[in-house]
C-alpha atoms as a PDB file:
ATOM      1  CA  HIS A   1    -103.786  14.626 110.991  1.00  0.00           C
ATOM      2  CA  GLY A   2    -106.173  15.662 108.295  1.00  0.00           C
ATOM      3  CA  VAL A   3    -104.066  13.968 105.715  1.00  0.00           C
ATOM      4  CA  THR A   4    -104.264  10.639 104.244  1.00  0.00           C
ATOM      5  CA  GLN A   5    -102.129   8.012 105.602  1.00  0.00           C
ATOM      6  CA  LEU A   6    -102.665   5.469 103.618  1.00  0.00           C
ATOM      7  CA  VAL A   7     -99.883   2.710 102.770  1.00  0.00           C
ATOM      8  CA  VAL A   8    -100.089   0.932  99.486  1.00  0.00           C
ATOM      9  CA  ASP A   9     -98.229  -2.092  98.799  1.00  0.00           C
ATOM     10  CA  PRO A  10     -98.813  -2.875  95.390  1.00  0.00           C
ATOM     11  CA  VAL A  11     -98.586  -6.755  95.767  1.00  0.00           C
ATOM     12  CA  MET A  12     -98.020  -7.640  92.002  1.00  0.00           C
ATOM     13  CA  VAL A  13     -95.484 -10.064  91.545  1.00  0.00           C
ATOM     14  CA  ALA A  14     -95.494 -13.251  93.482  1.00  0.00           C
ATOM     15  CA  LYS A  15     -92.536 -15.143  95.158  1.00  0.00           C
ATOM     16  CA  SER A  16     -92.804 -17.398  92.297  1.00  0.00           C
ATOM     17  CA  GLY A  17     -92.864 -14.849  89.838  1.00  0.00           C
ATOM     18  CA  ASP A  18     -96.065 -14.655  88.667  1.00  0.00           C
ATOM     19  CA  THR A  19     -97.868 -11.351  87.863  1.00  0.00           C
ATOM     20  CA  LEU A  20    -100.742 -10.616  90.054  1.00  0.00           C
ATOM     21  CA  LEU A  21    -102.640  -7.886  88.568  1.00  0.00           C
ATOM     22  CA  GLN A  22    -103.781  -7.823  85.120  1.00  0.00           C
ATOM     23  CA  GLU A  23    -102.492  -4.883  83.281  1.00  0.00           C
ATOM     24  CA  ASP A  24    -105.589  -2.560  83.620  1.00  0.00           C
ATOM     25  CA  ALA A  25    -105.453  -2.641  87.361  1.00  0.00           C
ATOM     26  CA  VAL A  26    -101.706  -1.986  87.182  1.00  0.00           C
ATOM     27  CA  GLN A  27    -103.071   1.165  85.650  1.00  0.00           C
ATOM     28  CA  SER A  28    -105.647   1.960  88.159  1.00  0.00           C
ATOM     29  CA  LEU A  29    -103.081   1.204  90.902  1.00  0.00           C
ATOM     30  CA  CYS A  30    -100.772   3.808  89.409  1.00  0.00           C
ATOM     31  CA  THR A  31    -103.699   6.103  88.619  1.00  0.00           C
ATOM     32  CA  GLN A  32    -106.207   5.847  91.269  1.00  0.00           C
ATOM     33  CA  LEU A  33    -104.263   4.471  94.719  1.00  0.00           C
ATOM     34  CA  ILE A  34    -100.807   5.861  94.500  1.00  0.00           C
ATOM     35  CA  PRO A  35    -101.769   9.437  94.186  1.00  0.00           C
ATOM     36  CA  LEU A  36    -103.235   8.969  97.501  1.00  0.00           C
ATOM     37  CA  ALA A  37    -100.470   7.280  98.989  1.00  0.00           C
ATOM     38  CA  ALA A  38     -99.002   9.094 102.184  1.00  0.00           C
ATOM     39  CA  LEU A  39     -96.124   5.940 101.475  1.00  0.00           C
ATOM     40  CA  VAL A  40     -95.570   3.480  98.793  1.00  0.00           C
ATOM     41  CA  THR A  41     -93.874   0.049  99.214  1.00  0.00           C
ATOM     42  CA  PRO A  42     -93.074  -2.132  96.460  1.00  0.00           C
ATOM     43  CA  ASN A  43     -90.212  -4.201  96.072  1.00  0.00           C
ATOM     44  CA  ILE A  44     -87.608  -4.332  92.970  1.00  0.00           C
ATOM     45  CA  PRO A  45     -90.027  -6.718  90.447  1.00  0.00           C
ATOM     46  CA  GLU A  46     -92.859  -4.149  91.726  1.00  0.00           C
ATOM     47  CA  ALA A  47     -91.101  -0.884  91.237  1.00  0.00           C
ATOM     48  CA  GLN A  48     -90.158  -2.144  87.782  1.00  0.00           C
ATOM     49  CA  ALA A  49     -93.674  -3.098  87.048  1.00  0.00           C
ATOM     50  CA  LEU A  50     -95.161   0.400  88.332  1.00  0.00           C
ATOM     51  CA  THR A  51     -91.754   2.128  86.091  1.00  0.00           C
ATOM     52  CA  GLY A  52     -91.215   0.397  83.306  1.00  0.00           C
ATOM     53  CA  MET A  53     -87.507   0.257  83.867  1.00  0.00           C
ATOM     54  CA  GLU A  54     -84.884  -2.414  84.929  1.00  0.00           C
ATOM     55  CA  ILE A  55     -83.553  -1.832  88.645  1.00  0.00           C
ATOM     56  CA  SER A  56     -79.749  -3.355  89.657  1.00  0.00           C
ATOM     57  CA  SER A  57     -78.083  -1.082  91.307  1.00  0.00           C
ATOM     58  CA  ASP A  58     -78.899   1.830  94.091  1.00  0.00           C
ATOM     59  CA  ASN A  59     -79.029   4.211  91.302  1.00  0.00           C
ATOM     60  CA  ASP A  60     -81.616   2.527  89.709  1.00  0.00           C
ATOM     61  CA  MET A  61     -83.721   2.450  92.987  1.00  0.00           C
ATOM     62  CA  ARG A  62     -83.653   6.772  93.321  1.00  0.00           C
ATOM     63  CA  LEU A  63     -84.727   6.718  89.355  1.00  0.00           C
ATOM     64  CA  ALA A  64     -87.458   4.091  90.350  1.00  0.00           C
ATOM     65  CA  ALA A  65     -88.604   6.417  93.582  1.00  0.00           C
ATOM     66  CA  ARG A  66     -88.554  10.053  91.840  1.00  0.00           C
ATOM     67  CA  ARG A  67     -90.657   8.413  89.094  1.00  0.00           C
ATOM     68  CA  ILE A  68     -93.122   6.559  91.830  1.00  0.00           C
ATOM     69  CA  ILE A  69     -93.416  10.018  93.617  1.00  0.00           C
ATOM     70  CA  GLU A  70     -94.205  11.212  90.211  1.00  0.00           C
ATOM     71  CA  MET A  71     -97.257   9.528  90.171  1.00  0.00           C
ATOM     72  CA  GLY A  72     -98.304  11.268  92.764  1.00  0.00           C
ATOM     73  CA  ALA A  73     -96.957   9.563  96.279  1.00  0.00           C
ATOM     74  CA  ARG A  74     -95.926  11.442  99.395  1.00  0.00           C
ATOM     75  CA  GLY A  75     -93.143   8.778  99.848  1.00  0.00           C
ATOM     76  CA  VAL A  76     -92.006   6.037  98.817  1.00  0.00           C
ATOM     77  CA  VAL A  77     -90.025   3.013  99.945  1.00  0.00           C
ATOM     78  CA  VAL A  78     -88.295   0.785  97.119  1.00  0.00           C
ATOM     79  CA  LYS A  79     -87.584  -2.629  99.209  1.00  0.00           C
ATOM     80  CA  GLY A  80     -83.562  -3.517  98.399  1.00  0.00           C
ATOM     81  CA  GLY A  81     -83.857  -7.312  99.039  1.00  0.00           C
ATOM     82  CA  HIS A  82     -84.378  -8.776  95.687  1.00  0.00           C
ATOM     83  CA  LEU A  83     -80.864  -6.963  95.137  1.00  0.00           C
ATOM     84  CA  GLY A  84     -78.815  -9.313  97.137  1.00  0.00           C
ATOM     85  CA  GLY A  85     -75.704  -9.137  99.045  1.00  0.00           C
ATOM     86  CA  PRO A  86     -74.852  -9.481 102.813  1.00  0.00           C
ATOM     87  CA  GLN A  87     -77.647  -6.293 103.462  1.00  0.00           C
ATOM     88  CA  SER A  88     -81.044  -5.726 102.630  1.00  0.00           C
ATOM     89  CA  ILE A  89     -81.133  -2.568 101.977  1.00  0.00           C
ATOM     90  CA  ASP A  90     -84.197  -0.413 101.742  1.00  0.00           C
ATOM     91  CA  LEU A  91     -84.457   3.082 100.487  1.00  0.00           C
ATOM     92  CA  LEU A  92     -87.084   5.607 101.736  1.00  0.00           C
ATOM     93  CA  TYR A  93     -87.660   8.720  99.673  1.00  0.00           C
ATOM     94  CA  ASP A  94     -90.095  11.333 100.286  1.00  0.00           C
ATOM     95  CA  GLY A  95     -89.536  13.957  97.200  1.00  0.00           C
ATOM     96  CA  VAL A  96     -86.730  15.718  98.595  1.00  0.00           C
ATOM     97  CA  ASP A  97     -84.356  13.354 100.719  1.00  0.00           C
ATOM     98  CA  PHE A  98     -83.278   9.783 100.331  1.00  0.00           C
ATOM     99  CA  VAL A  99     -82.544   7.542 103.374  1.00  0.00           C
ATOM    100  CA  GLU A 100     -81.235   4.286 103.396  1.00  0.00           C
ATOM    101  CA  LEU A 101     -81.928   2.066 106.118  1.00  0.00           C
ATOM    102  CA  ALA A 102     -79.901  -1.056 105.904  1.00  0.00           C
ATOM    103  CA  ALA A 103     -80.225  -4.570 107.949  1.00  0.00           C
ATOM    104  CA  ASP A 104     -78.021  -7.938 108.059  1.00  0.00           C
ATOM    105  CA  ARG A 105     -80.166 -10.121 105.884  1.00  0.00           C
ATOM    106  CA  VAL A 106     -81.719 -12.957 107.448  1.00  0.00           C
ATOM    107  CA  GLU A 107     -80.960 -16.651 106.322  1.00  0.00           C
ATOM    108  CA  THR A 108     -84.563 -18.558 106.574  1.00  0.00           C
ATOM    109  CA  SER A 109     -86.830 -19.915 103.862  1.00  0.00           C
ATOM    110  CA  SER A 110     -89.647 -18.458 106.539  1.00  0.00           C
ATOM    111  CA  THR A 111     -90.317 -15.526 104.453  1.00  0.00           C
ATOM    112  CA  HIS A 112     -93.973 -15.415 103.662  1.00  0.00           C
ATOM    113  CA  GLY A 113     -95.897 -12.034 104.169  1.00  0.00           C
ATOM    114  CA  THR A 114     -92.482 -10.136 104.385  1.00  0.00           C
ATOM    115  CA  GLY A 115     -93.524  -7.253 102.231  1.00  0.00           C
ATOM    116  CA  CYS A 116     -97.404  -6.815 103.587  1.00  0.00           C
ATOM    117  CA  THR A 117     -95.852  -7.241 107.301  1.00  0.00           C
ATOM    118  CA  PHE A 118     -93.785  -4.562 106.887  1.00  0.00           C
ATOM    119  CA  ALA A 119     -96.255  -1.990 105.299  1.00  0.00           C
ATOM    120  CA  SER A 120     -98.710  -3.052 108.123  1.00  0.00           C
ATOM    121  CA  ALA A 121     -96.593  -2.222 110.450  1.00  0.00           C
ATOM    122  CA  ILE A 122     -95.459   1.151 109.048  1.00  0.00           C
ATOM    123  CA  ALA A 123     -99.311   1.813 108.734  1.00  0.00           C
ATOM    124  CA  ALA A 124     -99.527   1.130 112.375  1.00  0.00           C
ATOM    125  CA  GLY A 125     -96.453   3.550 113.284  1.00  0.00           C
ATOM    126  CA  LEU A 126     -98.332   6.318 111.498  1.00  0.00           C
ATOM    127  CA  ALA A 127    -101.550   5.530 113.232  1.00  0.00           C
ATOM    128  CA  LYS A 128     -99.701   6.142 116.369  1.00  0.00           C
ATOM    129  CA  GLY A 129     -98.592   9.315 115.435  1.00  0.00           C
ATOM    130  CA  MET A 130     -95.345   8.568 113.848  1.00  0.00           C
ATOM    131  CA  GLU A 131     -93.389  10.281 111.427  1.00  0.00           C
ATOM    132  CA  VAL A 132     -93.260   8.250 108.082  1.00  0.00           C
ATOM    133  CA  ALA A 133     -89.407   8.192 108.788  1.00  0.00           C
ATOM    134  CA  ASP A 134     -89.713   6.891 112.085  1.00  0.00           C
ATOM    135  CA  ALA A 135     -92.590   4.173 111.717  1.00  0.00           C
ATOM    136  CA  VAL A 136     -90.156   2.952 108.427  1.00  0.00           C
ATOM    137  CA  ALA A 137     -87.209   2.694 110.636  1.00  0.00           C
ATOM    138  CA  ALA A 138     -89.464   0.814 113.380  1.00  0.00           C
ATOM    139  CA  ALA A 139     -91.208  -1.295 110.741  1.00  0.00           C
ATOM    140  CA  LYS A 140     -88.011  -2.749 109.311  1.00  0.00           C
ATOM    141  CA  GLU A 141     -86.642  -3.573 113.075  1.00  0.00           C
ATOM    142  CA  TYR A 142     -89.601  -5.082 113.784  1.00  0.00           C
ATOM    143  CA  VAL A 143     -89.333  -7.502 110.631  1.00  0.00           C
ATOM    144  CA  THR A 144     -85.920  -8.104 110.638  1.00  0.00           C
ATOM    145  CA  GLU A 145     -86.450  -9.119 114.194  1.00  0.00           C
ATOM    146  CA  ALA A 146     -89.512 -11.433 113.424  1.00  0.00           C
ATOM    147  CA  LEU A 147     -87.157 -12.947 110.384  1.00  0.00           C
ATOM    148  CA  LYS A 148     -84.861 -13.690 112.918  1.00  0.00           C
ATOM    149  CA  ARG A 149     -87.199 -15.542 115.058  1.00  0.00           C
ATOM    150  CA  SER A 150     -89.064 -17.196 112.455  1.00  0.00           C
ATOM    151  CA  TYR A 151     -89.680 -20.834 112.248  1.00  0.00           C
ATOM    152  CA  SER A 152     -90.231 -23.636 109.438  1.00  0.00           C
ATOM    153  CA  VAL A 153     -93.688 -24.732 108.877  1.00  0.00           C
ATOM    154  CA  GLY A 154     -94.576 -27.027 106.327  1.00  0.00           C
ATOM    155  CA  HIS A 155     -93.009 -26.890 102.731  1.00  0.00           C
ATOM    156  CA  GLY A 156     -92.043 -24.025 101.301  1.00  0.00           C
ATOM    157  CA  HIS A 157     -92.042 -20.378 102.234  1.00  0.00           C
ATOM    158  CA  GLY A 158     -92.817 -20.026 105.692  1.00  0.00           C
ATOM    159  CA  PRO A 159     -94.486 -17.049 107.824  1.00  0.00           C
ATOM    160  CA  LEU A 160     -92.462 -14.792 110.177  1.00  0.00           C
ATOM    161  CA  ASN A 161     -92.989 -14.936 113.374  1.00  0.00           C
ATOM    162  CA  HIS A 162     -95.647 -12.077 114.144  1.00  0.00           C
ATOM    163  CA  PHE A 163     -95.597 -12.584 118.213  1.00  0.00           C
ATOM    164  CA  PHE A 164     -91.803 -12.851 118.676  1.00  0.00           C
ATOM    165  CA  LYS A 165     -92.258 -10.230 121.542  1.00  0.00           C
ATOM    166  CA  LEU A 166     -94.743 -12.653 123.547  1.00  0.00           C
ATOM    167  CA  SER A 167     -92.128 -15.537 123.541  1.00  0.00           C
ATOM    168  CA  GLY A 168     -89.538 -13.841 125.178  1.00  0.00           C
END
């Protein structure tokens, strides 16, 4: 395409709530990486850290998405899983249109790697030539199915089942 297809998953906050990036690294993320991004995929705590705003509603997600686009990204998906409710609703924004991607919430403790799996699946879709909206929708379906077919391993948050298509 001649256009950078960089997907930035701003892993800034651990599931435990611990901060993973120092303040100067957050600044570099905002000024160096996000302007290069075809798509940024923050969850609610990460979008809050990027924008400095509290996010507790769909309208807040829309405002945060606009602010992230203003940082130079061509697109953003604010992942709504942290808002709760019977569905996990992610919000895709390309600077013009908003698209809500909803999936029924999957009750499982095997959620380790959900965000990076989502971003990686989007990047794979873009690499295959998919349009951003199609890559995001396909990634959402893949992660939802990987959550549904996950299994418990050890203690704490277990992994998704990335290979569910192989097991039938």
